[in-house]
PDB file of N, CA and C in Angstrom:
ATOM      1  N   MET A   1     -73.660 -91.384 146.101  1.00  0.00           N
ATOM      2  CA  MET A   1     -74.073 -90.572 144.365  1.00  0.00           C
ATOM      3  C   MET A   1     -74.588 -91.421 143.563  1.00  0.00           C
ATOM      4  N   CYS A   2     -75.688 -91.155 142.928  1.00  0.00           N
ATOM      5  CA  CYS A   2     -75.922 -91.929 141.624  1.00  0.00           C
ATOM      6  C   CYS A   2     -76.359 -91.169 140.366  1.00  0.00           C
ATOM      7  N   GLU A   3     -75.692 -92.082 139.261  1.00  0.00           N
ATOM      8  CA  GLU A   3     -75.686 -91.482 137.839  1.00  0.00           C
ATOM      9  C   GLU A   3     -76.202 -92.307 136.930  1.00  0.00           C
ATOM     10  N   GLY A   4     -77.115 -92.087 136.081  1.00  0.00           N
ATOM     11  CA  GLY A   4     -77.746 -93.168 134.943  1.00  0.00           C
ATOM     12  C   GLY A   4     -77.876 -94.463 135.743  1.00  0.00           C
ATOM     13  N   GLY A   5     -78.531 -94.374 136.889  1.00  0.00           N
ATOM     14  CA  GLY A   5     -78.690 -95.518 137.599  1.00  0.00           C
ATOM     15  C   GLY A   5     -77.590 -96.600 138.240  1.00  0.00           C
ATOM     16  N   LEU A   6     -76.484 -96.051 138.336  1.00  0.00           N
ATOM     17  CA  LEU A   6     -75.235 -96.345 138.675  1.00  0.00           C
ATOM     18  C   LEU A   6     -74.894 -95.672 140.117  1.00  0.00           C
ATOM     19  N   MET A   7     -74.432 -96.223 141.073  1.00  0.00           N
ATOM     20  CA  MET A   7     -74.313 -95.737 142.348  1.00  0.00           C
ATOM     21  C   MET A   7     -72.434 -95.568 142.405  1.00  0.00           C
ATOM     22  N   PHE A   8     -72.070 -94.640 142.742  1.00  0.00           N
ATOM     23  CA  PHE A   8     -70.705 -94.012 142.752  1.00  0.00           C
ATOM     24  C   PHE A   8     -70.205 -93.813 144.215  1.00  0.00           C
ATOM     25  N   HIS A   9     -69.367 -93.956 144.841  1.00  0.00           N
ATOM     26  CA  HIS A   9     -68.667 -93.854 145.871  1.00  0.00           C
ATOM     27  C   HIS A   9     -67.146 -93.312 145.698  1.00  0.00           C
ATOM     28  N   PRO A  10     -66.995 -91.948 146.376  1.00  0.00           N
ATOM     29  CA  PRO A  10     -65.793 -91.050 146.139  1.00  0.00           C
ATOM     30  C   PRO A  10     -64.562 -92.126 146.242  1.00  0.00           C
ATOM     31  N   VAL A  11     -64.746 -93.094 147.201  1.00  0.00           N
ATOM     32  CA  VAL A  11     -63.466 -93.893 147.547  1.00  0.00           C
ATOM     33  C   VAL A  11     -63.513 -95.370 147.424  1.00  0.00           C
ATOM     34  N   LYS A  12     -64.648 -95.704 147.356  1.00  0.00           N
ATOM     35  CA  LYS A  12     -64.738 -97.059 146.947  1.00  0.00           C
ATOM     36  C   LYS A  12     -65.312 -97.215 145.207  1.00  0.00           C
ATOM     37  N   GLU A  13     -65.743 -96.691 145.018  1.00  0.00           N
ATOM     38  CA  GLU A  13     -66.415 -96.413 143.488  1.00  0.00           C
ATOM     39  C   GLU A  13     -66.105 -95.255 142.739  1.00  0.00           C
ATOM     40  N   PRO A  14     -65.248 -94.434 142.452  1.00  0.00           N
ATOM     41  CA  PRO A  14     -65.490 -93.167 142.156  1.00  0.00           C
ATOM     42  C   PRO A  14     -66.129 -93.283 140.310  1.00  0.00           C
ATOM     43  N   ARG A  15     -66.396 -92.252 139.953  1.00  0.00           N
ATOM     44  CA  ARG A  15     -67.115 -92.327 138.771  1.00  0.00           C
ATOM     45  C   ARG A  15     -66.400 -92.107 137.806  1.00  0.00           C
ATOM     46  N   HIS A  16     -64.865 -91.656 137.929  1.00  0.00           N
ATOM     47  CA  HIS A  16     -63.838 -91.579 137.030  1.00  0.00           C
ATOM     48  C   HIS A  16     -63.186 -93.105 136.641  1.00  0.00           C
ATOM     49  N   TYR A  17     -63.460 -94.095 137.909  1.00  0.00           N
ATOM     50  CA  TYR A  17     -63.277 -95.245 137.198  1.00  0.00           C
ATOM     51  C   TYR A  17     -64.320 -96.287 136.975  1.00  0.00           C
ATOM     52  N   ALA A  18     -65.216 -95.970 136.985  1.00  0.00           N
ATOM     53  CA  ALA A  18     -66.474 -96.832 136.608  1.00  0.00           C
ATOM     54  C   ALA A  18     -66.592 -97.683 135.614  1.00  0.00           C
ATOM     55  N   GLY A  19     -66.550 -96.650 134.689  1.00  0.00           N
ATOM     56  CA  GLY A  19     -66.636 -97.395 133.243  1.00  0.00           C
ATOM     57  C   GLY A  19     -68.609 -97.370 132.966  1.00  0.00           C
ATOM     58  N   ASP A  20     -68.687 -98.414 132.287  1.00  0.00           N
ATOM     59  CA  ASP A  20     -69.816 -98.760 132.135  1.00  0.00           C
ATOM     60  C   ASP A  20     -71.013 -99.061 133.141  1.00  0.00           C
ATOM     61  N   GLY A  21     -70.551 -99.373 134.209  1.00  0.00           N
ATOM     62  CA  GLY A  21     -71.072-100.550 134.868  1.00  0.00           C
ATOM     63  C   GLY A  21     -70.807-101.712 134.723  1.00  0.00           C
ATOM     64  N   LYS A  22     -70.309-102.199 133.658  1.00  0.00           N
ATOM     65  CA  LYS A  22     -69.973-103.498 133.383  1.00  0.00           C
ATOM     66  C   LYS A  22     -68.393-103.950 133.303  1.00  0.00           C
ATOM     67  N   ILE A  23     -68.106-103.083 132.588  1.00  0.00           N
ATOM     68  CA  ILE A  23     -66.194-103.132 133.123  1.00  0.00           C
ATOM     69  C   ILE A  23     -65.918-101.701 133.826  1.00  0.00           C
ATOM     70  N   ALA A  24     -65.073-101.785 134.710  1.00  0.00           N
ATOM     71  CA  ALA A  24     -64.448-100.891 135.787  1.00  0.00           C
ATOM     72  C   ALA A  24     -62.746-100.772 135.130  1.00  0.00           C
ATOM     73  N   CYS A  25     -62.482 -99.794 135.385  1.00  0.00           N
ATOM     74  CA  CYS A  25     -61.099 -99.685 135.424  1.00  0.00           C
ATOM     75  C   CYS A  25     -59.940-101.008 135.927  1.00  0.00           C
ATOM     76  N   MET A  26     -60.572-100.912 137.040  1.00  0.00           N
ATOM     77  CA  MET A  26     -59.732-102.276 137.642  1.00  0.00           C
ATOM     78  C   MET A  26     -59.651-103.782 137.072  1.00  0.00           C
ATOM     79  N   ASP A  27     -60.951-103.885 136.328  1.00  0.00           N
ATOM     80  CA  ASP A  27     -61.142-104.829 135.667  1.00  0.00           C
ATOM     81  C   ASP A  27     -60.118-105.088 134.306  1.00  0.00           C
ATOM     82  N   ALA A  28     -60.354-103.605 133.729  1.00  0.00           N
ATOM     83  CA  ALA A  28     -60.064-103.591 132.540  1.00  0.00           C
ATOM     84  C   ALA A  28     -58.123-104.060 132.802  1.00  0.00           C
ATOM     85  N   LEU A  29     -58.014-103.403 133.679  1.00  0.00           N
ATOM     86  CA  LEU A  29     -56.307-103.329 133.897  1.00  0.00           C
ATOM     87  C   LEU A  29     -55.932-104.744 134.169  1.00  0.00           C
ATOM     88  N   ARG A  30     -56.930-105.644 134.875  1.00  0.00           N
ATOM     89  CA  ARG A  30     -56.474-106.807 135.440  1.00  0.00           C
ATOM     90  C   ARG A  30     -56.468-107.781 134.473  1.00  0.00           C
ATOM     91  N   SER A  31     -57.558-107.406 133.486  1.00  0.00           N
ATOM     92  CA  SER A  31     -57.646-108.493 132.301  1.00  0.00           C
ATOM     93  C   SER A  31     -56.440-107.952 131.145  1.00  0.00           C
ATOM     94  N   MET A  32     -56.266-106.801 131.320  1.00  0.00           N
ATOM     95  CA  MET A  32     -54.789-106.419 130.135  1.00  0.00           C
ATOM     96  C   MET A  32     -53.367-107.156 130.820  1.00  0.00           C
ATOM     97  N   PHE A  33     -53.655-106.780 132.114  1.00  0.00           N
ATOM     98  CA  PHE A  33     -52.021-107.587 132.899  1.00  0.00           C
ATOM     99  C   PHE A  33     -52.030-109.028 132.919  1.00  0.00           C
ATOM    100  N   HIS A  34     -52.771-109.670 132.497  1.00  0.00           N
ATOM    101  CA  HIS A  34     -53.208-110.947 132.875  1.00  0.00           C
ATOM    102  C   HIS A  34     -51.875-111.903 131.846  1.00  0.00           C
ATOM    103  N   GLY A  35     -50.814-112.369 132.382  1.00  0.00           N
ATOM    104  CA  GLY A  35     -49.929-113.417 131.826  1.00  0.00           C
ATOM    105  C   GLY A  35     -48.872-112.370 131.401  1.00  0.00           C
ATOM    106  N   THR A  36     -48.890-110.948 131.878  1.00  0.00           N
ATOM    107  CA  THR A  36     -47.590-110.061 131.190  1.00  0.00           C
ATOM    108  C   THR A  36     -46.515-110.607 132.184  1.00  0.00           C
ATOM    109  N   SER A  37     -46.654-110.966 133.595  1.00  0.00           N
ATOM    110  CA  SER A  37     -45.657-110.792 134.580  1.00  0.00           C
ATOM    111  C   SER A  37     -44.299-111.907 134.187  1.00  0.00           C
ATOM    112  N   ASN A  38     -44.691-112.624 133.032  1.00  0.00           N
ATOM    113  CA  ASN A  38     -43.352-113.546 132.405  1.00  0.00           C
ATOM    114  C   ASN A  38     -42.495-112.726 131.306  1.00  0.00           C
ATOM    115  N   VAL A  39     -42.954-111.527 130.964  1.00  0.00           N
ATOM    116  CA  VAL A  39     -42.666-110.988 130.076  1.00  0.00           C
ATOM    117  C   VAL A  39     -41.993-109.340 129.933  1.00  0.00           C
ATOM    118  N   LEU A  40     -42.554-109.134 130.920  1.00  0.00           N
ATOM    119  CA  LEU A  40     -42.445-107.440 131.359  1.00  0.00           C
ATOM    120  C   LEU A  40     -42.090-107.434 132.992  1.00  0.00           C
ATOM    121  N   SER A  41     -41.084-106.452 133.350  1.00  0.00           N
ATOM    122  CA  SER A  41     -40.525-106.038 134.109  1.00  0.00           C
ATOM    123  C   SER A  41     -41.945-105.545 135.227  1.00  0.00           C
ATOM    124  N   ALA A  42     -41.786-105.409 136.715  1.00  0.00           N
ATOM    125  CA  ALA A  42     -42.528-104.840 137.596  1.00  0.00           C
ATOM    126  C   ALA A  42     -42.848-103.398 136.788  1.00  0.00           C
ATOM    127  N   THR A  43     -41.481-102.382 136.870  1.00  0.00           N
ATOM    128  CA  THR A  43     -41.544-101.555 136.349  1.00  0.00           C
ATOM    129  C   THR A  43     -42.392-101.047 135.165  1.00  0.00           C
ATOM    130  N   GLN A  44     -42.157-101.917 134.042  1.00  0.00           N
ATOM    131  CA  GLN A  44     -42.730-101.581 132.649  1.00  0.00           C
ATOM    132  C   GLN A  44     -44.667-102.098 133.259  1.00  0.00           C
ATOM    133  N   ILE A  45     -44.691-102.747 134.012  1.00  0.00           N
ATOM    134  CA  ILE A  45     -46.188-102.908 133.885  1.00  0.00           C
ATOM    135  C   ILE A  45     -46.827-101.731 134.863  1.00  0.00           C
ATOM    136  N   TYR A  46     -46.038-101.202 135.663  1.00  0.00           N
ATOM    137  CA  TYR A  46     -46.474-100.005 136.201  1.00  0.00           C
ATOM    138  C   TYR A  46     -46.790 -98.848 135.620  1.00  0.00           C
ATOM    139  N   TRP A  47     -45.815 -98.850 134.831  1.00  0.00           N
ATOM    140  CA  TRP A  47     -46.073 -97.639 134.259  1.00  0.00           C
ATOM    141  C   TRP A  47     -47.106 -97.686 133.001  1.00  0.00           C
ATOM    142  N   TRP A  48     -47.035 -98.656 132.258  1.00  0.00           N
ATOM    143  CA  TRP A  48     -48.098 -99.176 131.559  1.00  0.00           C
ATOM    144  C   TRP A  48     -49.730 -99.243 132.021  1.00  0.00           C
ATOM    145  N   GLY A  49     -49.805 -99.361 133.546  1.00  0.00           N
ATOM    146  CA  GLY A  49     -50.915 -99.506 134.177  1.00  0.00           C
ATOM    147  C   GLY A  49     -51.429 -97.807 134.402  1.00  0.00           C
ATOM    148  N   CYS A  50     -50.339 -97.156 134.887  1.00  0.00           N
ATOM    149  CA  CYS A  50     -50.665 -96.029 135.092  1.00  0.00           C
ATOM    150  C   CYS A  50     -50.850 -94.763 133.750  1.00  0.00           C
ATOM    151  N   ALA A  51     -50.376 -95.490 132.876  1.00  0.00           N
ATOM    152  CA  ALA A  51     -50.758 -94.579 131.624  1.00  0.00           C
ATOM    153  C   ALA A  51     -52.281 -94.889 131.240  1.00  0.00           C
ATOM    154  N   PHE A  52     -52.911 -95.814 131.440  1.00  0.00           N
ATOM    155  CA  PHE A  52     -53.630 -96.486 130.898  1.00  0.00           C
ATOM    156  C   PHE A  52     -54.937 -95.758 132.348  1.00  0.00           C
ATOM    157  N   LYS A  53     -54.440 -95.952 133.279  1.00  0.00           N
ATOM    158  CA  LYS A  53     -55.647 -95.358 134.390  1.00  0.00           C
ATOM    159  C   LYS A  53     -55.615 -93.949 133.822  1.00  0.00           C
ATOM    160  N   TYR A  54     -54.697 -93.026 133.634  1.00  0.00           N
ATOM    161  CA  TYR A  54     -54.905 -91.670 132.893  1.00  0.00           C
ATOM    162  C   TYR A  54     -55.681 -91.465 131.703  1.00  0.00           C
ATOM    163  N   LEU A  55     -55.433 -92.717 130.773  1.00  0.00           N
ATOM    164  CA  LEU A  55     -56.478 -92.109 129.525  1.00  0.00           C
ATOM    165  C   LEU A  55     -57.597 -92.866 130.081  1.00  0.00           C
ATOM    166  N   TRP A  56     -57.910 -93.436 130.685  1.00  0.00           N
ATOM    167  CA  TRP A  56     -59.283 -93.906 131.534  1.00  0.00           C
ATOM    168  C   TRP A  56     -60.156 -92.985 131.707  1.00  0.00           C
ATOM    169  N   ARG A  57     -59.499 -92.140 132.489  1.00  0.00           N
ATOM    170  CA  ARG A  57     -60.227 -91.214 133.645  1.00  0.00           C
ATOM    171  C   ARG A  57     -60.640 -89.995 133.233  1.00  0.00           C
ATOM    172  N   TRP A  58     -59.919 -89.393 132.085  1.00  0.00           N
ATOM    173  CA  TRP A  58     -59.624 -88.239 131.501  1.00  0.00           C
ATOM    174  C   TRP A  58     -60.739 -87.746 131.470  1.00  0.00           C
ATOM    175  N   PRO A  59     -61.839 -88.074 130.702  1.00  0.00           N
ATOM    176  CA  PRO A  59     -62.990 -87.548 130.331  1.00  0.00           C
ATOM    177  C   PRO A  59     -63.853 -86.984 131.918  1.00  0.00           C
ATOM    178  N   TRP A  60     -63.779 -87.610 132.751  1.00  0.00           N
ATOM    179  CA  TRP A  60     -64.414 -87.373 134.086  1.00  0.00           C
ATOM    180  C   TRP A  60     -63.540 -86.916 135.369  1.00  0.00           C
ATOM    181  N   LYS A  61     -62.394 -86.933 134.863  1.00  0.00           N
ATOM    182  CA  LYS A  61     -61.463 -86.183 136.511  1.00  0.00           C
ATOM    183  C   LYS A  61     -60.608 -84.861 135.838  1.00  0.00           C
ATOM    184  N   ASN A  62     -59.638 -85.189 135.636  1.00  0.00           N
ATOM    185  CA  ASN A  62     -59.044 -83.738 135.380  1.00  0.00           C
ATOM    186  C   ASN A  62     -58.685 -83.473 133.834  1.00  0.00           C
ATOM    187  N   GLY A  63     -59.299 -83.731 132.963  1.00  0.00           N
ATOM    188  CA  GLY A  63     -59.406 -83.663 131.147  1.00  0.00           C
ATOM    189  C   GLY A  63     -58.009 -83.300 130.763  1.00  0.00           C
ATOM    190  N   LYS A  64     -57.330 -82.606 130.475  1.00  0.00           N
ATOM    191  CA  LYS A  64     -56.211 -82.587 129.566  1.00  0.00           C
ATOM    192  C   LYS A  64     -55.184 -82.991 130.378  1.00  0.00           C
ATOM    193  N   GLN A  65     -55.104 -82.580 131.769  1.00  0.00           N
ATOM    194  CA  GLN A  65     -54.148 -82.628 132.643  1.00  0.00           C
ATOM    195  C   GLN A  65     -53.565 -84.375 132.840  1.00  0.00           C
ATOM    196  N   ASP A  66     -54.818 -85.067 132.470  1.00  0.00           N
ATOM    197  CA  ASP A  66     -54.809 -86.506 132.756  1.00  0.00           C
ATOM    198  C   ASP A  66     -54.293 -86.940 131.175  1.00  0.00           C
ATOM    199  N   ILE A  67     -54.291 -86.369 129.761  1.00  0.00           N
ATOM    200  CA  ILE A  67     -53.556 -86.904 128.778  1.00  0.00           C
ATOM    201  C   ILE A  67     -52.179 -86.623 129.109  1.00  0.00           C
ATOM    202  N   ASP A  68     -51.906 -85.526 129.391  1.00  0.00           N
ATOM    203  CA  ASP A  68     -50.488 -85.066 129.723  1.00  0.00           C
ATOM    204  C   ASP A  68     -49.595 -86.239 130.701  1.00  0.00           C
ATOM    205  N   LYS A  69     -50.386 -86.573 131.897  1.00  0.00           N
ATOM    206  CA  LYS A  69     -49.985 -87.713 132.756  1.00  0.00           C
ATOM    207  C   LYS A  69     -49.501 -88.977 132.089  1.00  0.00           C
ATOM    208  N   CYS A  70     -50.873 -89.081 131.335  1.00  0.00           N
ATOM    209  CA  CYS A  70     -50.564 -90.440 130.426  1.00  0.00           C
ATOM    210  C   CYS A  70     -49.547 -90.634 129.434  1.00  0.00           C
ATOM    211  N   MET A  71     -49.231 -89.253 128.850  1.00  0.00           N
ATOM    212  CA  MET A  71     -48.366 -89.250 128.189  1.00  0.00           C
ATOM    213  C   MET A  71     -47.159 -89.322 128.788  1.00  0.00           C
ATOM    214  N   ARG A  72     -46.592 -88.634 129.975  1.00  0.00           N
ATOM    215  CA  ARG A  72     -45.771 -88.957 130.575  1.00  0.00           C
ATOM    216  C   ARG A  72     -45.226 -90.284 131.183  1.00  0.00           C
ATOM    217  N   CYS A  73     -46.222 -90.961 131.539  1.00  0.00           N
ATOM    218  CA  CYS A  73     -45.850 -92.381 131.976  1.00  0.00           C
ATOM    219  C   CYS A  73     -45.601 -93.301 131.087  1.00  0.00           C
ATOM    220  N   LEU A  74     -46.017 -92.938 129.571  1.00  0.00           N
ATOM    221  CA  LEU A  74     -45.835 -93.387 128.097  1.00  0.00           C
ATOM    222  C   LEU A  74     -44.171 -93.247 127.832  1.00  0.00           C
ATOM    223  N   GLU A  75     -43.726 -91.835 128.177  1.00  0.00           N
ATOM    224  CA  GLU A  75     -42.354 -91.724 128.036  1.00  0.00           C
ATOM    225  C   GLU A  75     -41.437 -92.590 129.347  1.00  0.00           C
ATOM    226  N   TYR A  76     -42.085 -92.518 130.421  1.00  0.00           N
ATOM    227  CA  TYR A  76     -41.277 -93.291 131.139  1.00  0.00           C
ATOM    228  C   TYR A  76     -41.248 -94.824 131.027  1.00  0.00           C
ATOM    229  N   LEU A  77     -42.085 -95.461 130.637  1.00  0.00           N
ATOM    230  CA  LEU A  77     -42.610 -96.674 129.717  1.00  0.00           C
ATOM    231  C   LEU A  77     -41.317 -97.081 128.378  1.00  0.00           C
ATOM    232  N   LYS A  78     -41.304 -95.788 127.914  1.00  0.00           N
ATOM    233  CA  LYS A  78     -40.383 -96.321 126.783  1.00  0.00           C
ATOM    234  C   LYS A  78     -38.930 -96.091 126.923  1.00  0.00           C
ATOM    235  N   LYS A  79     -38.878 -95.096 127.764  1.00  0.00           N
ATOM    236  CA  LYS A  79     -37.200 -95.273 128.264  1.00  0.00           C
ATOM    237  C   LYS A  79     -36.989 -96.405 129.204  1.00  0.00           C
ATOM    238  N   GLU A  80     -37.770 -97.064 130.057  1.00  0.00           N
ATOM    239  CA  GLU A  80     -37.440 -98.264 130.402  1.00  0.00           C
ATOM    240  C   GLU A  80     -37.326 -99.556 129.386  1.00  0.00           C
ATOM    241  N   LEU A  81     -38.333 -99.514 128.315  1.00  0.00           N
ATOM    242  CA  LEU A  81     -37.985-100.345 127.657  1.00  0.00           C
ATOM    243  C   LEU A  81     -36.458-100.097 126.724  1.00  0.00           C
ATOM    244  N   GLU A  82     -36.298 -98.967 126.379  1.00  0.00           N
ATOM    245  CA  GLU A  82     -35.042 -98.616 125.717  1.00  0.00           C
ATOM    246  C   GLU A  82     -33.935 -99.111 126.440  1.00  0.00           C
ATOM    247  N   ASP A  83     -34.198 -99.051 127.773  1.00  0.00           N
ATOM    248  CA  ASP A  83     -33.024 -99.346 129.256  1.00  0.00           C
ATOM    249  C   ASP A  83     -32.688-100.479 128.737  1.00  0.00           C
ATOM    250  N   VAL A  84     -33.811-101.477 128.949  1.00  0.00           N
ATOM    251  CA  VAL A  84     -33.755-103.099 128.551  1.00  0.00           C
ATOM    252  C   VAL A  84     -33.111-103.052 127.481  1.00  0.00           C
ATOM    253  N   ALA A  85     -33.473-102.937 126.430  1.00  0.00           N
ATOM    254  CA  ALA A  85     -32.856-103.055 125.186  1.00  0.00           C
ATOM    255  C   ALA A  85     -31.075-102.775 125.079  1.00  0.00           C
ATOM    256  N   ASN A  86     -31.059-101.587 125.679  1.00  0.00           N
ATOM    257  CA  ASN A  86     -29.642-101.286 125.681  1.00  0.00           C
ATOM    258  C   ASN A  86     -28.651-101.881 126.777  1.00  0.00           C
ATOM    259  N   GLU A  87     -29.308-102.337 127.906  1.00  0.00           N
ATOM    260  CA  GLU A  87     -28.662-103.578 128.636  1.00  0.00           C
ATOM    261  C   GLU A  87     -28.357-104.648 128.146  1.00  0.00           C
ATOM    262  N   GLY A  88     -29.436-105.416 127.284  1.00  0.00           N
ATOM    263  CA  GLY A  88     -29.195-106.411 126.633  1.00  0.00           C
ATOM    264  C   GLY A  88     -27.769-106.460 125.809  1.00  0.00           C
ATOM    265  N   LYS A  89     -27.984-105.325 124.618  1.00  0.00           N
ATOM    266  CA  LYS A  89     -26.893-105.255 123.817  1.00  0.00           C
ATOM    267  C   LYS A  89     -25.658-105.128 124.624  1.00  0.00           C
ATOM    268  N   HIS A  90     -25.478-104.134 125.564  1.00  0.00           N
ATOM    269  CA  HIS A  90     -24.298-104.306 126.463  1.00  0.00           C
ATOM    270  C   HIS A  90     -23.935-105.530 127.089  1.00  0.00           C
ATOM    271  N   GLN A  91     -24.563-106.419 127.508  1.00  0.00           N
ATOM    272  CA  GLN A  91     -24.154-108.091 127.893  1.00  0.00           C
ATOM    273  C   GLN A  91     -23.818-108.624 126.766  1.00  0.00           C
ATOM    274  N   ALA A  92     -24.698-108.311 125.622  1.00  0.00           N
ATOM    275  CA  ALA A  92     -24.380-109.659 124.525  1.00  0.00           C
ATOM    276  C   ALA A  92     -22.535-109.180 123.979  1.00  0.00           C
ATOM    277  N   GLY A  93     -22.387-107.832 124.117  1.00  0.00           N
ATOM    278  CA  GLY A  93     -21.217-107.303 123.965  1.00  0.00           C
ATOM    279  C   GLY A  93     -20.021-107.920 124.675  1.00  0.00           C
ATOM    280  N   GLN A  94     -20.460-107.880 126.021  1.00  0.00           N
ATOM    281  CA  GLN A  94     -19.668-108.458 126.996  1.00  0.00           C
ATOM    282  C   GLN A  94     -19.478-110.062 126.896  1.00  0.00           C
ATOM    283  N   GLU A  95     -20.474-110.572 126.386  1.00  0.00           N
ATOM    284  CA  GLU A  95     -20.278-112.018 126.209  1.00  0.00           C
ATOM    285  C   GLU A  95     -19.182-112.152 124.971  1.00  0.00           C
ATOM    286  N   CYS A  96     -19.319-111.455 123.896  1.00  0.00           N
ATOM    287  CA  CYS A  96     -18.372-111.658 122.891  1.00  0.00           C
ATOM    288  C   CYS A  96     -17.000-111.052 123.197  1.00  0.00           C
ATOM    289  N   ILE A  97     -16.644-110.448 124.160  1.00  0.00           N
ATOM    290  CA  ILE A  97     -15.643-110.223 124.483  1.00  0.00           C
ATOM    291  C   ILE A  97     -14.801-110.892 125.405  1.00  0.00           C
ATOM    292  N   HIS A  98     -15.817-111.808 126.499  1.00  0.00           N
ATOM    293  CA  HIS A  98     -15.399-112.632 127.484  1.00  0.00           C
ATOM    294  C   HIS A  98     -14.930-114.003 126.453  1.00  0.00           C
ATOM    295  N   ALA A  99     -15.751-114.449 125.045  1.00  0.00           N
ATOM    296  CA  ALA A  99     -15.591-115.358 124.378  1.00  0.00           C
ATOM    297  C   ALA A  99     -14.146-115.432 123.610  1.00  0.00           C
ATOM    298  N   GLU A 100     -13.903-114.114 123.180  1.00  0.00           N
ATOM    299  CA  GLU A 100     -12.532-114.050 122.499  1.00  0.00           C
ATOM    300  C   GLU A 100     -11.585-113.794 123.219  1.00  0.00           C
ATOM    301  N   GLU A 101     -11.698-113.226 124.777  1.00  0.00           N
ATOM    302  CA  GLU A 101     -10.112-113.650 125.588  1.00  0.00           C
ATOM    303  C   GLU A 101     -10.071-114.970 125.795  1.00  0.00           C
ATOM    304  N   SER A 102     -11.241-115.978 125.700  1.00  0.00           N
ATOM    305  CA  SER A 102     -11.320-117.801 125.963  1.00  0.00           C
ATOM    306  C   SER A 102     -10.334-117.663 124.828  1.00  0.00           C
ATOM    307  N   ALA A 103     -10.626-117.483 123.691  1.00  0.00           N
ATOM    308  CA  ALA A 103     -10.455-118.356 122.593  1.00  0.00           C
ATOM    309  C   ALA A 103      -8.935-118.340 122.520  1.00  0.00           C
TER     310      ALA A 103
END
């Protein structure tokens, strides 16, 4: 299939991920994720990537449904971040309790 001089393949290079022919969704994701494995969990990176994917493709694939999917992925990402923050607070509280017991 050809559109605007660009060739697309439904499996190897679908239109909804092709971008402008210079930057495809996969390349943008790869660039976006560079260096994040040291600061984000695999689950956080996964939900971020899913949200980005749906936001990238929405005009060419599923329209509003992809926007809804993107929002859902962002909700999952936000919950993941909140869970990590709450876990950190819980662990800090435990350290204070153990320090007081030792004193």
